[in-house]
Amino acid sequence: MNVASITATDEQLKLLCRGGDYAAFEQLYHRHKNPLYRFIIRQCSDEEQAKDIVQDVWLNIHKACGSYVPSAKFTTWLYRIAHNRIIDYYRRSAKGLPISYDDENLSEEQLINLDNRYAPDQQVQSAQETERLLNAIASLQEAQREAALLHLEMGFSVSEIANITQTNPETAKSRLRYALKKIRQQVLS
């Protein structure tokens, strides 16, 4: 790995991958493997399945090296692929796709009632703020949790979240707003 690839942007590294530079792909992998894994494990809560999804995402990234065109940030592209793999995971699971991923047509009252279905079984006992925050995030319905993680942990804007989740900006904004409201309520209570 050369010094240039260490300071290169993700998009530059991805373009180097397109040219067959394996070290550039490896650098991308090392930059994003841990945040991507954390995002996925918090979405599916099954360690083995999360590892499979992460591996599938990176295989798809590698396969797409030759056709990559930097029309969006690399991380937006990466998390869109992860989002699609998580949706596939839910579709294959016995529970099926959670209703929260199809909440675009629900009224605000119906969304609030959905939130009530996902209330935690017990109050957070720990005094540590980090643990309380993680518990609050874990208690969110799937689509809201995804929006919160993409925003809080990955730093994506509402428009980037909409792009990743392939929803309209109002849906992404609504999911994020409800998620942040519920997190605040749980962390501050």
Protein backbone atom coordinates (compact mmCIF):
# COMPACT_ATOMS: atom_id res chain seq x y z
CA MET A 1 0.00 0.00 0.00
CA ASN A 2 1.48 3.34 -0.96
CA VAL A 3 1.23 6.66 0.85
CA ALA A 4 -1.05 8.09 -1.84
CA SER A 5 -3.71 5.44 -1.19
CA ILE A 6 -3.67 6.18 2.55
CA THR A 7 -4.54 9.86 1.97
CA ALA A 8 -6.88 9.22 -0.97
CA THR A 9 -10.61 9.78 -0.61
CA ASP A 10 -12.95 6.81 -0.68
CA GLU A 11 -14.07 7.76 -4.16
CA GLN A 12 -10.46 7.93 -5.41
CA LEU A 13 -9.74 4.54 -3.86
CA LYS A 14 -12.83 3.06 -5.49
CA LEU A 15 -11.70 4.40 -8.86
CA LEU A 16 -8.29 2.81 -8.27
CA CYS A 17 -10.12 -0.46 -7.54
CA ARG A 18 -11.84 -0.11 -10.88
CA GLY A 19 -8.37 -0.13 -12.41
CA GLY A 20 -7.50 -3.36 -10.58
CA ASP A 21 -5.64 -1.92 -7.58
CA TYR A 22 -6.23 -4.52 -4.86
CA ALA A 23 -4.42 -2.43 -2.21
CA ALA A 24 -6.97 0.36 -2.77
CA PHE A 25 -9.83 -2.09 -2.16
CA GLU A 26 -8.10 -3.33 0.97
CA GLN A 27 -7.77 0.25 2.22
CA LEU A 28 -11.49 0.85 1.66
CA TYR A 29 -12.28 -2.37 3.48
CA HIS A 30 -10.16 -1.42 6.50
CA ARG A 31 -11.66 2.08 6.63
CA HIS A 32 -15.25 0.89 6.65
CA LYS A 33 -15.39 -2.69 7.95
CA ASN A 34 -16.01 -1.87 11.62
CA PRO A 35 -18.64 0.88 11.18
CA LEU A 36 -20.42 -1.24 8.58
CA TYR A 37 -20.45 -4.28 10.88
CA ARG A 38 -21.78 -2.18 13.80
CA PHE A 39 -24.52 -0.78 11.58
CA ILE A 40 -25.57 -4.24 10.38
CA ILE A 41 -25.39 -6.03 13.75
CA ARG A 42 -27.61 -3.34 15.27
CA GLN A 43 -30.10 -3.91 12.48
CA CYS A 44 -30.40 -7.69 12.55
CA SER A 45 -29.13 -8.61 16.08
CA ASP A 46 -27.85 -11.99 14.90
CA GLU A 47 -24.05 -12.12 14.94
CA GLU A 48 -23.68 -14.90 12.38
CA GLN A 49 -26.23 -13.35 10.05
CA ALA A 50 -24.57 -9.94 10.43
CA LYS A 51 -21.22 -11.45 9.45
CA ASP A 52 -22.85 -13.06 6.40
CA ILE A 53 -24.46 -9.77 5.40
CA VAL A 54 -21.17 -7.87 5.80
CA GLN A 55 -19.38 -10.46 3.69
CA ASP A 56 -22.11 -10.24 1.04
CA VAL A 57 -21.85 -6.43 0.98
CA TRP A 58 -18.07 -6.54 0.46
CA LEU A 59 -18.41 -9.20 -2.23
CA ASN A 60 -20.90 -6.97 -4.03
CA ILE A 61 -18.58 -3.98 -3.68
CA HIS A 62 -15.72 -6.03 -5.13
CA LYS A 63 -17.84 -7.34 -8.01
CA ALA A 64 -18.93 -3.82 -8.87
CA CYS A 65 -15.38 -2.45 -8.99
CA GLY A 66 -15.31 -2.40 -12.77
CA SER A 67 -18.59 -0.55 -13.15
CA TYR A 68 -18.34 1.97 -10.29
CA VAL A 69 -19.13 5.55 -11.28
CA PRO A 70 -18.77 8.13 -8.49
CA SER A 71 -22.24 9.69 -8.76
CA ALA A 72 -22.61 9.74 -4.95
CA LYS A 73 -20.26 9.47 -2.00
CA PHE A 74 -18.76 6.00 -1.64
CA THR A 75 -20.27 5.66 1.83
CA THR A 76 -23.75 6.43 0.48
CA TRP A 77 -23.27 3.69 -2.11
CA LEU A 78 -21.85 1.28 0.50
CA TYR A 79 -24.72 1.79 2.95
CA ARG A 80 -27.34 1.54 0.19
CA ILE A 81 -25.97 -1.92 -0.61
CA ALA A 82 -26.02 -2.75 3.12
CA HIS A 83 -29.60 -1.49 3.41
CA ASN A 84 -30.67 -3.70 0.50
CA ARG A 85 -28.97 -6.75 2.04
CA ILE A 86 -30.71 -6.08 5.39
CA ILE A 87 -34.08 -5.87 3.60
CA ASP A 88 -33.24 -9.19 1.89
CA TYR A 89 -32.41 -10.67 5.32
CA TYR A 90 -35.80 -9.62 6.71
CA ARG A 91 -37.63 -10.95 3.66
CA ARG A 92 -35.95 -14.35 4.08
CA SER A 93 -36.53 -14.51 7.83
CA ALA A 94 -39.56 -16.18 9.36
CA LYS A 95 -40.83 -12.80 10.59
CA GLY A 96 -40.77 -11.26 7.12
CA LEU A 97 -40.22 -7.61 6.26
CA PRO A 98 -41.09 -5.41 9.25
CA ILE A 99 -43.96 -3.02 8.68
CA SER A 100 -41.72 -0.11 9.65
CA TYR A 101 -39.92 -0.41 6.30
CA ASP A 102 -43.21 0.22 4.55
CA ASP A 103 -44.46 3.14 6.64
CA GLU A 104 -44.51 5.71 3.85
CA ASN A 105 -48.28 5.47 3.48
CA LEU A 106 -49.11 5.42 7.20
CA SER A 107 -50.56 8.44 8.99
CA GLU A 108 -48.68 10.15 11.80
CA GLU A 109 -51.06 8.59 14.36
CA GLN A 110 -50.41 5.10 12.94
CA LEU A 111 -46.65 5.73 13.13
CA ILE A 112 -46.93 6.72 16.78
CA ASN A 113 -48.92 3.55 17.48
CA LEU A 114 -46.21 1.51 15.74
CA ASP A 115 -43.68 3.06 18.11
CA ASN A 116 -45.70 1.79 21.07
CA ARG A 117 -45.38 -1.80 19.81
CA TYR A 118 -41.60 -1.54 20.11
CA ALA A 119 -41.39 -0.12 23.62
CA PRO A 120 -38.66 -1.85 25.67
CA ASP A 121 -39.78 -4.59 28.08
CA GLN A 122 -37.89 -3.09 30.97
CA GLN A 123 -36.36 0.26 31.86
CA VAL A 124 -32.71 0.83 31.27
CA GLN A 125 -30.96 0.12 34.60
CA SER A 126 -27.47 1.35 33.76
CA ALA A 127 -26.40 4.87 34.66
CA GLN A 128 -23.90 4.97 31.81
CA GLU A 129 -25.07 7.29 29.07
CA THR A 130 -23.63 5.17 26.27
CA GLU A 131 -25.46 2.06 27.37
CA ARG A 132 -28.70 4.02 27.70
CA LEU A 133 -28.26 5.41 24.21
CA LEU A 134 -27.57 1.98 22.70
CA ASN A 135 -30.58 0.53 24.46
CA ALA A 136 -32.75 3.38 23.18
CA ILE A 137 -31.52 2.82 19.64
CA ALA A 138 -32.06 -0.92 19.91
CA SER A 139 -35.67 -0.38 20.98
CA LEU A 140 -36.56 1.56 17.84
CA GLN A 141 -38.50 -0.07 15.06
CA GLU A 142 -36.23 -1.23 12.25
CA ALA A 143 -36.60 1.63 9.76
CA GLN A 144 -36.28 4.29 12.47
CA ARG A 145 -33.25 2.53 13.96
CA GLU A 146 -31.64 2.47 10.53
CA ALA A 147 -32.24 6.21 10.02
CA ALA A 148 -30.90 7.00 13.51
CA LEU A 149 -27.77 4.91 13.03
CA LEU A 150 -27.08 6.37 9.60
CA HIS A 151 -27.43 9.88 11.02
CA LEU A 152 -25.91 9.60 14.51
CA GLU A 153 -23.14 7.10 13.90
CA MET A 154 -22.33 7.60 10.24
CA GLY A 155 -23.12 11.32 9.94
CA PHE A 156 -25.41 11.07 6.91
CA SER A 157 -27.84 13.90 6.15
CA VAL A 158 -31.57 13.37 5.61
CA SER A 159 -31.13 13.50 1.82
CA GLU A 160 -28.31 10.94 2.00
CA ILE A 161 -30.45 8.69 4.22
CA ALA A 162 -33.27 8.96 1.68
CA ASN A 163 -30.84 8.00 -1.07
CA ILE A 164 -29.46 5.02 0.88
CA THR A 165 -32.87 3.70 1.91
CA GLN A 166 -34.43 4.51 -1.46
CA THR A 167 -37.26 6.49 0.11
CA ASN A 168 -38.38 10.05 -0.43
CA PRO A 169 -36.76 12.74 1.75
CA GLU A 170 -39.97 13.32 3.74
CA THR A 171 -40.10 9.64 4.74
CA ALA A 172 -36.43 9.70 5.76
CA LYS A 173 -36.99 12.94 7.70
CA SER A 174 -40.05 11.50 9.44
CA ARG A 175 -38.25 8.28 10.42
CA LEU A 176 -35.30 10.24 11.76
CA ARG A 177 -37.52 12.71 13.64
CA TYR A 178 -39.47 9.93 15.39
CA ALA A 179 -36.28 8.03 16.16
CA LEU A 180 -34.54 11.04 17.69
CA LYS A 181 -37.65 11.95 19.70
CA LYS A 182 -37.90 8.45 21.14
CA ILE A 183 -34.16 8.30 21.87
CA ARG A 184 -34.34 11.65 23.71
CA GLN A 185 -37.33 10.46 25.75
CA GLN A 186 -35.60 7.25 26.79
CA VAL A 187 -32.18 8.75 27.48
CA LEU A 188 -33.53 11.71 29.45
CA SER A 189 -36.09 9.75 31.48
